[in-house]
Amino acid sequence: MPLGVLRAESIEFAPRPEAVLQEAQRLAMGCAVRVVLVFSSRFWRDAARRAQHPDIEDQLKQLGFLFMPGDTPATWWTPHPDPLPVLTAWAGGPKAGTWQRAIAASLSPDAALQACLETLGRAFDMTSAELEHLLVAWYAHDWLHDDYARGAYSYVPAGAVGAPERMAVPVDGTLFFAGEHTDLEGHWGTVHAALGSGVRAAEAVRLGGVSAQ
């Protein structure tokens, strides 16, 4: 289960695995905001638009990543080389937390969308209205307030480097914890760490409760 769920102790154990729960409190959950925008076309590839920026014409045609330092969200990517009219906005860490609080404080259901359109408008010299006219759909998810996640990814604060290894030890040959926060290779906060920890826990079950390194 995700570290955020363990830290919130929203699942009851009988008896409680006190050692595991204590180690969970030593780790921390990070914040991330992702907004996916689906447009009717890959407008950034339009010949007329590329002609307006001859110095980056080839880059626009092959656009993979777009970085907007100082803006929120600052990081964008396309599904290049797949020819899909999709742009994904990403913010992580403290900036994501600040943005998430601003979205909540606005009480507007499309506050995240408007922030994205304004940032894209500055990047491509377009108005928010022009971009919204091209918009087909948009999707966002609040992992921090999702009861089944309680955060986006884990990280190890100072002094807690041994916590993931201790959480990976089976409890009485009965409870086997997995998740990227239990990774033993230092790849916390990644998908491959989550997958690897699942394989490790499954192997421990196969071995009858012996921790598999």
Foldseek 3Di string as FASTA:
>chain_A
DALLLLQVVPDDDVVDPVLLSVLSVQWDFWAKKKKKFAFQAQVLLDPVLLVVPVVCSVCSNQPAWAAQPPAVQGIKGDPPPPRGNMIMTMDIGPVRVVVVVVVVVVVDPCPVVQSVLVSVCVVSVHHSVVRVVRTDDMDIDGQCPDSVHVHQWMDHDPPSVCSLCSNQQFDVLPDGDAALSNAPPPPTGDPVSRVVRVVQSVVCNVVRRGRDD
